[in-house]
PDB file of N, CA and C in Angstrom:
ATOM      1  N   MET A   1      -6.214 -75.392  32.512  1.00  0.00           N
ATOM      2  CA  MET A   1      -5.697 -74.166  31.937  1.00  0.00           C
ATOM      3  C   MET A   1      -6.211 -72.990  32.760  1.00  0.00           C
ATOM      4  N   ALA A   2      -5.331 -72.064  33.028  1.00  0.00           N
ATOM      5  CA  ALA A   2      -5.670 -70.898  33.843  1.00  0.00           C
ATOM      6  C   ALA A   2      -6.097 -69.734  32.962  1.00  0.00           C
ATOM      7  N   GLN A   3      -6.691 -68.734  33.579  1.00  0.00           N
ATOM      8  CA  GLN A   3      -7.055 -67.495  32.902  1.00  0.00           C
ATOM      9  C   GLN A   3      -6.607 -66.330  33.758  1.00  0.00           C
ATOM     10  N   VAL A   4      -6.251 -65.253  33.087  1.00  0.00           N
ATOM     11  CA  VAL A   4      -5.854 -64.042  33.790  1.00  0.00           C
ATOM     12  C   VAL A   4      -6.504 -62.863  33.075  1.00  0.00           C
ATOM     13  N   THR A   5      -6.906 -61.867  33.837  1.00  0.00           N
ATOM     14  CA  THR A   5      -7.455 -60.651  33.264  1.00  0.00           C
ATOM     15  C   THR A   5      -6.338 -59.622  33.198  1.00  0.00           C
ATOM     16  N   VAL A   6      -6.105 -59.105  31.999  1.00  0.00           N
ATOM     17  CA  VAL A   6      -5.081 -58.084  31.802  1.00  0.00           C
ATOM     18  C   VAL A   6      -5.767 -56.801  31.347  1.00  0.00           C
ATOM     19  N   GLN A   7      -5.097 -55.692  31.576  1.00  0.00           N
ATOM     20  CA  GLN A   7      -5.662 -54.410  31.172  1.00  0.00           C
ATOM     21  C   GLN A   7      -4.691 -53.702  30.243  1.00  0.00           C
ATOM     22  N   ILE A   8      -5.203 -53.333  29.072  1.00  0.00           N
ATOM     23  CA  ILE A   8      -4.424 -52.584  28.097  1.00  0.00           C
ATOM     24  C   ILE A   8      -5.271 -51.405  27.650  1.00  0.00           C
ATOM     25  N   ASN A   9      -4.707 -50.220  27.796  1.00  0.00           N
ATOM     26  CA  ASN A   9      -5.386 -48.974  27.449  1.00  0.00           C
ATOM     27  C   ASN A   9      -6.747 -48.855  28.132  1.00  0.00           C
ATOM     28  N   GLY A  10      -6.790 -49.268  29.399  1.00  0.00           N
ATOM     29  CA  GLY A  10      -8.009 -49.131  30.180  1.00  0.00           C
ATOM     30  C   GLY A  10      -9.069 -50.168  29.919  1.00  0.00           C
ATOM     31  N   ARG A  11      -8.788 -51.136  29.072  1.00  0.00           N
ATOM     32  CA  ARG A  11      -9.767 -52.193  28.767  1.00  0.00           C
ATOM     33  C   ARG A  11      -9.262 -53.522  29.308  1.00  0.00           C
ATOM     34  N   ASN A  12     -10.184 -54.309  29.848  1.00  0.00           N
ATOM     35  CA  ASN A  12      -9.841 -55.622  30.379  1.00  0.00           C
ATOM     36  C   ASN A  12      -9.989 -56.687  29.305  1.00  0.00           C
ATOM     37  N   TYR A  13      -9.045 -57.626  29.317  1.00  0.00           N
ATOM     38  CA  TYR A  13      -9.058 -58.755  28.398  1.00  0.00           C
ATOM     39  C   TYR A  13      -8.807 -60.027  29.194  1.00  0.00           C
ATOM     40  N   GLN A  14      -9.602 -61.056  28.939  1.00  0.00           N
ATOM     41  CA  GLN A  14      -9.382 -62.370  29.534  1.00  0.00           C
ATOM     42  C   GLN A  14      -8.420 -63.137  28.628  1.00  0.00           C
ATOM     43  N   VAL A  15      -7.357 -63.667  29.220  1.00  0.00           N
ATOM     44  CA  VAL A  15      -6.353 -64.398  28.450  1.00  0.00           C
ATOM     45  C   VAL A  15      -6.152 -65.762  29.098  1.00  0.00           C
ATOM     46  N   ALA A  16      -6.257 -66.804  28.292  1.00  0.00           N
ATOM     47  CA  ALA A  16      -5.985 -68.154  28.780  1.00  0.00           C
ATOM     48  C   ALA A  16      -4.478 -68.383  28.760  1.00  0.00           C
ATOM     49  N   CYS A  17      -3.995 -69.104  29.743  1.00  0.00           N
ATOM     50  CA  CYS A  17      -2.571 -69.405  29.810  1.00  0.00           C
ATOM     51  C   CYS A  17      -2.376 -70.695  30.588  1.00  0.00           C
ATOM     52  N   GLY A  18      -1.171 -71.188  30.556  1.00  0.00           N
ATOM     53  CA  GLY A  18      -0.848 -72.385  31.314  1.00  0.00           C
ATOM     54  C   GLY A  18      -0.858 -72.089  32.806  1.00  0.00           C
ATOM     55  N   ASP A  19      -1.121 -73.114  33.597  1.00  0.00           N
ATOM     56  CA  ASP A  19      -1.104 -72.948  35.049  1.00  0.00           C
ATOM     57  C   ASP A  19       0.260 -72.418  35.480  1.00  0.00           C
ATOM     58  N   GLY A  20       0.240 -71.410  36.326  1.00  0.00           N
ATOM     59  CA  GLY A  20       1.467 -70.825  36.829  1.00  0.00           C
ATOM     60  C   GLY A  20       2.045 -69.719  35.957  1.00  0.00           C
ATOM     61  N   GLU A  21       1.451 -69.455  34.798  1.00  0.00           N
ATOM     62  CA  GLU A  21       1.955 -68.418  33.889  1.00  0.00           C
ATOM     63  C   GLU A  21       1.240 -67.080  34.052  1.00  0.00           C
ATOM     64  N   GLN A  22       0.321 -66.983  34.992  1.00  0.00           N
ATOM     65  CA  GLN A  22      -0.483 -65.779  35.146  1.00  0.00           C
ATOM     66  C   GLN A  22       0.374 -64.538  35.405  1.00  0.00           C
ATOM     67  N   GLU A  23       1.367 -64.659  36.261  1.00  0.00           N
ATOM     68  CA  GLU A  23       2.199 -63.504  36.594  1.00  0.00           C
ATOM     69  C   GLU A  23       2.996 -63.030  35.375  1.00  0.00           C
ATOM     70  N   ARG A  24       3.518 -63.970  34.604  1.00  0.00           N
ATOM     71  CA  ARG A  24       4.274 -63.601  33.397  1.00  0.00           C
ATOM     72  C   ARG A  24       3.365 -62.907  32.385  1.00  0.00           C
ATOM     73  N   ILE A  25       2.168 -63.439  32.165  1.00  0.00           N
ATOM     74  CA  ILE A  25       1.227 -62.836  31.227  1.00  0.00           C
ATOM     75  C   ILE A  25       0.850 -61.435  31.699  1.00  0.00           C
ATOM     76  N   SER A  26       0.626 -61.275  32.989  1.00  0.00           N
ATOM     77  CA  SER A  26       0.300 -59.950  33.528  1.00  0.00           C
ATOM     78  C   SER A  26       1.441 -58.971  33.300  1.00  0.00           C
ATOM     79  N   GLY A  27       2.659 -59.428  33.491  1.00  0.00           N
ATOM     80  CA  GLY A  27       3.827 -58.581  33.254  1.00  0.00           C
ATOM     81  C   GLY A  27       3.984 -58.203  31.794  1.00  0.00           C
ATOM     82  N   LEU A  28       3.763 -59.164  30.904  1.00  0.00           N
ATOM     83  CA  LEU A  28       3.826 -58.883  29.469  1.00  0.00           C
ATOM     84  C   LEU A  28       2.753 -57.880  29.067  1.00  0.00           C
ATOM     85  N   ALA A  29       1.552 -58.060  29.609  1.00  0.00           N
ATOM     86  CA  ALA A  29       0.463 -57.130  29.301  1.00  0.00           C
ATOM     87  C   ALA A  29       0.793 -55.724  29.803  1.00  0.00           C
ATOM     88  N   ALA A  30       1.411 -55.626  30.967  1.00  0.00           N
ATOM     89  CA  ALA A  30       1.800 -54.312  31.490  1.00  0.00           C
ATOM     90  C   ALA A  30       2.836 -53.664  30.574  1.00  0.00           C
ATOM     91  N   PHE A  31       3.740 -54.470  30.039  1.00  0.00           N
ATOM     92  CA  PHE A  31       4.745 -53.958  29.111  1.00  0.00           C
ATOM     93  C   PHE A  31       4.080 -53.442  27.833  1.00  0.00           C
ATOM     94  N   VAL A  32       3.140 -54.221  27.295  1.00  0.00           N
ATOM     95  CA  VAL A  32       2.407 -53.806  26.096  1.00  0.00           C
ATOM     96  C   VAL A  32       1.609 -52.542  26.392  1.00  0.00           C
ATOM     97  N   ASP A  33       0.972 -52.490  27.549  1.00  0.00           N
ATOM     98  CA  ASP A  33       0.209 -51.301  27.925  1.00  0.00           C
ATOM     99  C   ASP A  33       1.123 -50.073  27.989  1.00  0.00           C
ATOM    100  N   GLY A  34       2.343 -50.254  28.449  1.00  0.00           N
ATOM    101  CA  GLY A  34       3.296 -49.144  28.467  1.00  0.00           C
ATOM    102  C   GLY A  34       3.569 -48.618  27.073  1.00  0.00           C
ATOM    103  N   LYS A  35       3.742 -49.523  26.106  1.00  0.00           N
ATOM    104  CA  LYS A  35       3.947 -49.108  24.713  1.00  0.00           C
ATOM    105  C   LYS A  35       2.720 -48.376  24.188  1.00  0.00           C
ATOM    106  N   VAL A  36       1.543 -48.901  24.497  1.00  0.00           N
ATOM    107  CA  VAL A  36       0.300 -48.269  24.048  1.00  0.00           C
ATOM    108  C   VAL A  36       0.188 -46.873  24.656  1.00  0.00           C
ATOM    109  N   GLN A  37       0.522 -46.741  25.920  1.00  0.00           N
ATOM    110  CA  GLN A  37       0.434 -45.427  26.570  1.00  0.00           C
ATOM    111  C   GLN A  37       1.433 -44.436  25.968  1.00  0.00           C
ATOM    112  N   GLU A  38       2.613 -44.912  25.562  1.00  0.00           N
ATOM    113  CA  GLU A  38       3.568 -44.049  24.855  1.00  0.00           C
ATOM    114  C   GLU A  38       2.945 -43.537  23.558  1.00  0.00           C
ATOM    115  N   LEU A  39       2.278 -44.435  22.832  1.00  0.00           N
ATOM    116  CA  LEU A  39       1.629 -44.037  21.580  1.00  0.00           C
ATOM    117  C   LEU A  39       0.489 -43.049  21.831  1.00  0.00           C
ATOM    118  N   VAL A  40      -0.306 -43.304  22.855  1.00  0.00           N
ATOM    119  CA  VAL A  40      -1.404 -42.386  23.191  1.00  0.00           C
ATOM    120  C   VAL A  40      -0.829 -41.010  23.515  1.00  0.00           C
ATOM    121  N   GLY A  41       0.294 -40.991  24.219  1.00  0.00           N
ATOM    122  CA  GLY A  41       0.928 -39.725  24.561  1.00  0.00           C
ATOM    123  C   GLY A  41       1.406 -38.946  23.352  1.00  0.00           C
ATOM    124  N   SER A  42       1.872 -39.654  22.324  1.00  0.00           N
ATOM    125  CA  SER A  42       2.389 -38.961  21.146  1.00  0.00           C
ATOM    126  C   SER A  42       1.358 -38.781  20.039  1.00  0.00           C
ATOM    127  N   LEU A  43       0.396 -39.698  19.932  1.00  0.00           N
ATOM    128  CA  LEU A  43      -0.573 -39.651  18.830  1.00  0.00           C
ATOM    129  C   LEU A  43      -1.994 -39.327  19.272  1.00  0.00           C
ATOM    130  N   GLY A  44      -2.261 -39.442  20.562  1.00  0.00           N
ATOM    131  CA  GLY A  44      -3.628 -39.313  21.037  1.00  0.00           C
ATOM    132  C   GLY A  44      -4.301 -40.674  20.972  1.00  0.00           C
ATOM    133  N   ASN A  45      -5.537 -40.734  21.397  1.00  0.00           N
ATOM    134  CA  ASN A  45      -6.260 -42.004  21.377  1.00  0.00           C
ATOM    135  C   ASN A  45      -6.865 -42.195  19.990  1.00  0.00           C
ATOM    136  N   ILE A  46      -6.201 -42.977  19.169  1.00  0.00           N
ATOM    137  CA  ILE A  46      -6.608 -43.189  17.773  1.00  0.00           C
ATOM    138  C   ILE A  46      -7.410 -44.470  17.594  1.00  0.00           C
ATOM    139  N   GLY A  47      -7.883 -45.035  18.694  1.00  0.00           N
ATOM    140  CA  GLY A  47      -8.660 -46.265  18.641  1.00  0.00           C
ATOM    141  C   GLY A  47      -7.819 -47.451  19.082  1.00  0.00           C
ATOM    142  N   ASP A  48      -8.454 -48.348  19.821  1.00  0.00           N
ATOM    143  CA  ASP A  48      -7.743 -49.493  20.375  1.00  0.00           C
ATOM    144  C   ASP A  48      -7.099 -50.366  19.309  1.00  0.00           C
ATOM    145  N   GLN A  49      -7.819 -50.609  18.248  1.00  0.00           N
ATOM    146  CA  GLN A  49      -7.298 -51.495  17.213  1.00  0.00           C
ATOM    147  C   GLN A  49      -6.009 -50.936  16.611  1.00  0.00           C
ATOM    148  N   ARG A  50      -6.009 -49.690  16.246  1.00  0.00           N
ATOM    149  CA  ARG A  50      -4.805 -49.080  15.663  1.00  0.00           C
ATOM    150  C   ARG A  50      -3.679 -49.008  16.683  1.00  0.00           C
ATOM    151  N   LEU A  51      -4.015 -48.670  17.917  1.00  0.00           N
ATOM    152  CA  LEU A  51      -2.992 -48.596  18.963  1.00  0.00           C
ATOM    153  C   LEU A  51      -2.335 -49.956  19.183  1.00  0.00           C
ATOM    154  N   LEU A  52      -3.149 -51.019  19.223  1.00  0.00           N
ATOM    155  CA  LEU A  52      -2.590 -52.350  19.429  1.00  0.00           C
ATOM    156  C   LEU A  52      -1.745 -52.797  18.249  1.00  0.00           C
ATOM    157  N   VAL A  53      -2.177 -52.475  17.042  1.00  0.00           N
ATOM    158  CA  VAL A  53      -1.378 -52.823  15.860  1.00  0.00           C
ATOM    159  C   VAL A  53      -0.058 -52.065  15.880  1.00  0.00           C
ATOM    160  N   MET A  54      -0.111 -50.783  16.160  1.00  0.00           N
ATOM    161  CA  MET A  54       1.116 -49.984  16.174  1.00  0.00           C
ATOM    162  C   MET A  54       2.054 -50.442  17.286  1.00  0.00           C
ATOM    163  N   ALA A  55       1.512 -50.733  18.477  1.00  0.00           N
ATOM    164  CA  ALA A  55       2.345 -51.221  19.581  1.00  0.00           C
ATOM    165  C   ALA A  55       2.973 -52.558  19.217  1.00  0.00           C
ATOM    166  N   SER A  56       2.210 -53.432  18.568  1.00  0.00           N
ATOM    167  CA  SER A  56       2.746 -54.728  18.138  1.00  0.00           C
ATOM    168  C   SER A  56       3.893 -54.550  17.158  1.00  0.00           C
ATOM    169  N   LEU A  57       3.725 -53.635  16.220  1.00  0.00           N
ATOM    170  CA  LEU A  57       4.789 -53.385  15.248  1.00  0.00           C
ATOM    171  C   LEU A  57       6.038 -52.822  15.919  1.00  0.00           C
ATOM    172  N   LEU A  58       5.856 -51.916  16.869  1.00  0.00           N
ATOM    173  CA  LEU A  58       7.007 -51.365  17.590  1.00  0.00           C
ATOM    174  C   LEU A  58       7.736 -52.453  18.371  1.00  0.00           C
ATOM    175  N   LEU A  59       6.987 -53.314  19.034  1.00  0.00           N
ATOM    176  CA  LEU A  59       7.602 -54.397  19.800  1.00  0.00           C
ATOM    177  C   LEU A  59       8.308 -55.392  18.889  1.00  0.00           C
ATOM    178  N   ALA A  60       7.690 -55.709  17.756  1.00  0.00           N
ATOM    179  CA  ALA A  60       8.330 -56.612  16.799  1.00  0.00           C
ATOM    180  C   ALA A  60       9.608 -56.001  16.252  1.00  0.00           C
ATOM    181  N   ASP A  61       9.593 -54.705  15.987  1.00  0.00           N
ATOM    182  CA  ASP A  61      10.779 -54.015  15.499  1.00  0.00           C
ATOM    183  C   ASP A  61      11.905 -54.079  16.530  1.00  0.00           C
ATOM    184  N   GLU A  62      11.577 -53.853  17.787  1.00  0.00           N
ATOM    185  CA  GLU A  62      12.582 -53.943  18.846  1.00  0.00           C
ATOM    186  C   GLU A  62      13.152 -55.356  18.946  1.00  0.00           C
ATOM    187  N   LEU A  63      12.295 -56.343  18.846  1.00  0.00           N
ATOM    188  CA  LEU A  63      12.739 -57.734  18.903  1.00  0.00           C
ATOM    189  C   LEU A  63      13.680 -58.055  17.749  1.00  0.00           C
ATOM    190  N   TRP A  64      13.315 -57.639  16.535  1.00  0.00           N
ATOM    191  CA  TRP A  64      14.170 -57.883  15.367  1.00  0.00           C
ATOM    192  C   TRP A  64      15.525 -57.226  15.524  1.00  0.00           C
ATOM    193  N   GLU A  65      15.513 -55.999  16.040  1.00  0.00           N
ATOM    194  CA  GLU A  65      16.772 -55.289  16.255  1.00  0.00           C
ATOM    195  C   GLU A  65      17.678 -56.069  17.193  1.00  0.00           C
ATOM    196  N   GLN A  66      17.117 -56.609  18.246  1.00  0.00           N
ATOM    197  CA  GLN A  66      17.901 -57.354  19.223  1.00  0.00           C
ATOM    198  C   GLN A  66      18.380 -58.687  18.670  1.00  0.00           C
ATOM    199  N   ARG A  67      17.537 -59.370  17.938  1.00  0.00           N
ATOM    200  CA  ARG A  67      17.879 -60.716  17.450  1.00  0.00           C
ATOM    201  C   ARG A  67      18.781 -60.705  16.228  1.00  0.00           C
ATOM    202  N   GLU A  68      18.457 -59.874  15.264  1.00  0.00           N
ATOM    203  CA  GLU A  68      19.112 -59.973  13.965  1.00  0.00           C
ATOM    204  C   GLU A  68      19.737 -58.676  13.481  1.00  0.00           C
ATOM    205  N   GLY A  69      19.823 -57.695  14.303  1.00  0.00           N
ATOM    206  CA  GLY A  69      20.372 -56.436  13.850  1.00  0.00           C
ATOM    207  C   GLY A  69      19.521 -55.758  12.793  1.00  0.00           C
ATOM    208  N   GLY A  70      18.210 -55.963  12.842  1.00  0.00           N
ATOM    209  CA  GLY A  70      17.311 -55.284  11.924  1.00  0.00           C
ATOM    210  C   GLY A  70      16.630 -56.173  10.910  1.00  0.00           C
ATOM    211  N   ALA A  71      17.142 -57.373  10.681  1.00  0.00           N
ATOM    212  CA  ALA A  71      16.528 -58.284   9.705  1.00  0.00           C
ATOM    213  C   ALA A  71      15.432 -59.098  10.394  1.00  0.00           C
ATOM    214  N   PRO A  72      14.310 -59.322   9.725  1.00  0.00           N
ATOM    215  CA  PRO A  72      13.242 -60.121  10.321  1.00  0.00           C
ATOM    216  C   PRO A  72      13.737 -61.529  10.663  1.00  0.00           C
ATOM    217  N   PRO A  73      13.368 -62.053  11.835  1.00  0.00           N
ATOM    218  CA  PRO A  73      13.806 -63.400  12.193  1.00  0.00           C
ATOM    219  C   PRO A  73      13.117 -64.451  11.345  1.00  0.00           C
ATOM    220  N   LYS A  74      13.821 -65.538  11.102  1.00  0.00           N
ATOM    221  CA  LYS A  74      13.245 -66.675  10.382  1.00  0.00           C
ATOM    222  C   LYS A  74      12.827 -67.700  11.423  1.00  0.00           C
ATOM    223  N   PRO A  75      11.521 -67.995  11.523  1.00  0.00           N
ATOM    224  CA  PRO A  75      11.071 -68.897  12.573  1.00  0.00           C
ATOM    225  C   PRO A  75      11.586 -70.321  12.376  1.00  0.00           C
ATOM    226  N   ALA A  76      12.033 -70.931  13.474  1.00  0.00           N
ATOM    227  CA  ALA A  76      12.393 -72.341  13.472  1.00  0.00           C
ATOM    228  C   ALA A  76      11.106 -73.146  13.553  1.00  0.00           C
ATOM    229  N   ASN A  77      11.206 -74.452  13.441  1.00  0.00           N
ATOM    230  CA  ASN A  77       9.999 -75.298  13.441  1.00  0.00           C
ATOM    231  C   ASN A  77       9.134 -75.067  14.672  1.00  0.00           C
ATOM    232  N   GLY A  78       9.728 -75.049  15.857  1.00  0.00           N
ATOM    233  CA  GLY A  78       8.962 -74.815  17.083  1.00  0.00           C
ATOM    234  C   GLY A  78       8.418 -73.408  17.152  1.00  0.00           C
ATOM    235  N   GLU A  79       9.158 -72.459  16.612  1.00  0.00           N
ATOM    236  CA  GLU A  79       8.708 -71.069  16.637  1.00  0.00           C
ATOM    237  C   GLU A  79       7.547 -70.840  15.679  1.00  0.00           C
ATOM    238  N   ALA A  80       7.466 -71.622  14.617  1.00  0.00           N
ATOM    239  CA  ALA A  80       6.376 -71.452  13.652  1.00  0.00           C
ATOM    240  C   ALA A  80       5.032 -71.708  14.328  1.00  0.00           C
ATOM    241  N   LYS A  81       4.974 -72.716  15.182  1.00  0.00           N
ATOM    242  CA  LYS A  81       3.734 -73.017  15.891  1.00  0.00           C
ATOM    243  C   LYS A  81       3.389 -71.874  16.848  1.00  0.00           C
ATOM    244  N   SER A  82       4.391 -71.361  17.552  1.00  0.00           N
ATOM    245  CA  SER A  82       4.160 -70.232  18.453  1.00  0.00           C
ATOM    246  C   SER A  82       3.720 -68.997  17.676  1.00  0.00           C
ATOM    247  N   ALA A  83       4.351 -68.762  16.530  1.00  0.00           N
ATOM    248  CA  ALA A  83       3.989 -67.612  15.702  1.00  0.00           C
ATOM    249  C   ALA A  83       2.539 -67.714  15.249  1.00  0.00           C
ATOM    250  N   ALA A  84       2.115 -68.918  14.884  1.00  0.00           N
ATOM    251  CA  ALA A  84       0.731 -69.111  14.454  1.00  0.00           C
ATOM    252  C   ALA A  84      -0.229 -68.832  15.606  1.00  0.00           C
ATOM    253  N   ALA A  85       0.135 -69.257  16.814  1.00  0.00           N
ATOM    254  CA  ALA A  85      -0.712 -69.006  17.981  1.00  0.00           C
ATOM    255  C   ALA A  85      -0.791 -67.516  18.277  1.00  0.00           C
ATOM    256  N   ILE A  86       0.330 -66.810  18.153  1.00  0.00           N
ATOM    257  CA  ILE A  86       0.348 -65.369  18.393  1.00  0.00           C
ATOM    258  C   ILE A  86      -0.489 -64.658  17.344  1.00  0.00           C
ATOM    259  N   GLU A  87      -0.389 -65.089  16.087  1.00  0.00           N
ATOM    260  CA  GLU A  87      -1.204 -64.480  15.027  1.00  0.00           C
ATOM    261  C   GLU A  87      -2.686 -64.700  15.296  1.00  0.00           C
ATOM    262  N   ALA A  88      -3.051 -65.896  15.753  1.00  0.00           N
ATOM    263  CA  ALA A  88      -4.452 -66.178  16.057  1.00  0.00           C
ATOM    264  C   ALA A  88      -4.930 -65.285  17.205  1.00  0.00           C
ATOM    265  N   LEU A  89      -4.079 -65.096  18.213  1.00  0.00           N
ATOM    266  CA  LEU A  89      -4.422 -64.216  19.323  1.00  0.00           C
ATOM    267  C   LEU A  89      -4.565 -62.776  18.850  1.00  0.00           C
ATOM    268  N   ALA A  90      -3.669 -62.338  17.977  1.00  0.00           N
ATOM    269  CA  ALA A  90      -3.750 -60.975  17.448  1.00  0.00           C
ATOM    270  C   ALA A  90      -5.043 -60.779  16.658  1.00  0.00           C
ATOM    271  N   ASP A  91      -5.414 -61.785  15.864  1.00  0.00           N
ATOM    272  CA  ASP A  91      -6.676 -61.711  15.126  1.00  0.00           C
ATOM    273  C   ASP A  91      -7.855 -61.602  16.088  1.00  0.00           C
ATOM    274  N   ARG A  92      -7.810 -62.389  17.146  1.00  0.00           N
ATOM    275  CA  ARG A  92      -8.898 -62.349  18.137  1.00  0.00           C
ATOM    276  C   ARG A  92      -8.963 -60.972  18.803  1.00  0.00           C
ATOM    277  N   LEU A  93      -7.806 -60.407  19.145  1.00  0.00           N
ATOM    278  CA  LEU A  93      -7.778 -59.072  19.740  1.00  0.00           C
ATOM    279  C   LEU A  93      -8.337 -58.029  18.771  1.00  0.00           C
ATOM    280  N   ASP A  94      -8.004 -58.160  17.482  1.00  0.00           N
ATOM    281  CA  ASP A  94      -8.544 -57.253  16.476  1.00  0.00           C
ATOM    282  C   ASP A  94     -10.066 -57.342  16.431  1.00  0.00           C
ATOM    283  N   GLN A  95     -10.591 -58.572  16.481  1.00  0.00           N
ATOM    284  CA  GLN A  95     -12.039 -58.759  16.456  1.00  0.00           C
ATOM    285  C   GLN A  95     -12.694 -58.132  17.682  1.00  0.00           C
ATOM    286  N   ILE A  96     -12.078 -58.347  18.843  1.00  0.00           N
ATOM    287  CA  ILE A  96     -12.623 -57.783  20.075  1.00  0.00           C
ATOM    288  C   ILE A  96     -12.586 -56.260  20.012  1.00  0.00           C
ATOM    289  N   ALA A  97     -11.452 -55.714  19.561  1.00  0.00           N
ATOM    290  CA  ALA A  97     -11.319 -54.254  19.469  1.00  0.00           C
ATOM    291  C   ALA A  97     -12.355 -53.678  18.509  1.00  0.00           C
ATOM    292  N   SER A  98     -12.592 -54.363  17.392  1.00  0.00           N
ATOM    293  CA  SER A  98     -13.580 -53.885  16.421  1.00  0.00           C
ATOM    294  C   SER A  98     -14.970 -53.854  17.027  1.00  0.00           C
ATOM    295  N   ARG A  99     -15.295 -54.907  17.783  1.00  0.00           N
ATOM    296  CA  ARG A  99     -16.614 -54.950  18.425  1.00  0.00           C
ATOM    297  C   ARG A  99     -16.745 -53.850  19.477  1.00  0.00           C
ATOM    298  N   LEU A 100     -15.664 -53.606  20.206  1.00  0.00           N
ATOM    299  CA  LEU A 100     -15.711 -52.578  21.242  1.00  0.00           C
ATOM    300  C   LEU A 100     -15.824 -51.181  20.644  1.00  0.00           C
ATOM    301  N   GLU A 101     -15.199 -50.965  19.488  1.00  0.00           N
ATOM    302  CA  GLU A 101     -15.268 -49.659  18.846  1.00  0.00           C
ATOM    303  C   GLU A 101     -16.621 -49.406  18.193  1.00  0.00           C
ATOM    304  N   ALA A 102     -17.332 -50.475  17.848  1.00  0.00           N
ATOM    305  CA  ALA A 102     -18.633 -50.354  17.160  1.00  0.00           C
ATOM    306  C   ALA A 102     -19.727 -49.875  18.083  1.00  0.00           C
TER     307      ALA A 102
END
């Protein structure tokens, strides 16, 4: 398993990924960082944890709009496992952000 260091809002995060997925993860992180920077521009720096939560909600909203015209998607069996992994990662990011803010 590979690891890649990504930067969001000026902070580095180590992310594990499959071999060969480093470039995709870096690109996704850059996209998320762009959303965070938009929020910082409009709201100011309100803390990493809040910024990441708000950016996640904005991205989820955009995804729902594209997939279902505004209705939350219903995960299929394979997507449920991915959703659980994403939730676990989000929880870990929240924990890291809390420690960094302390």
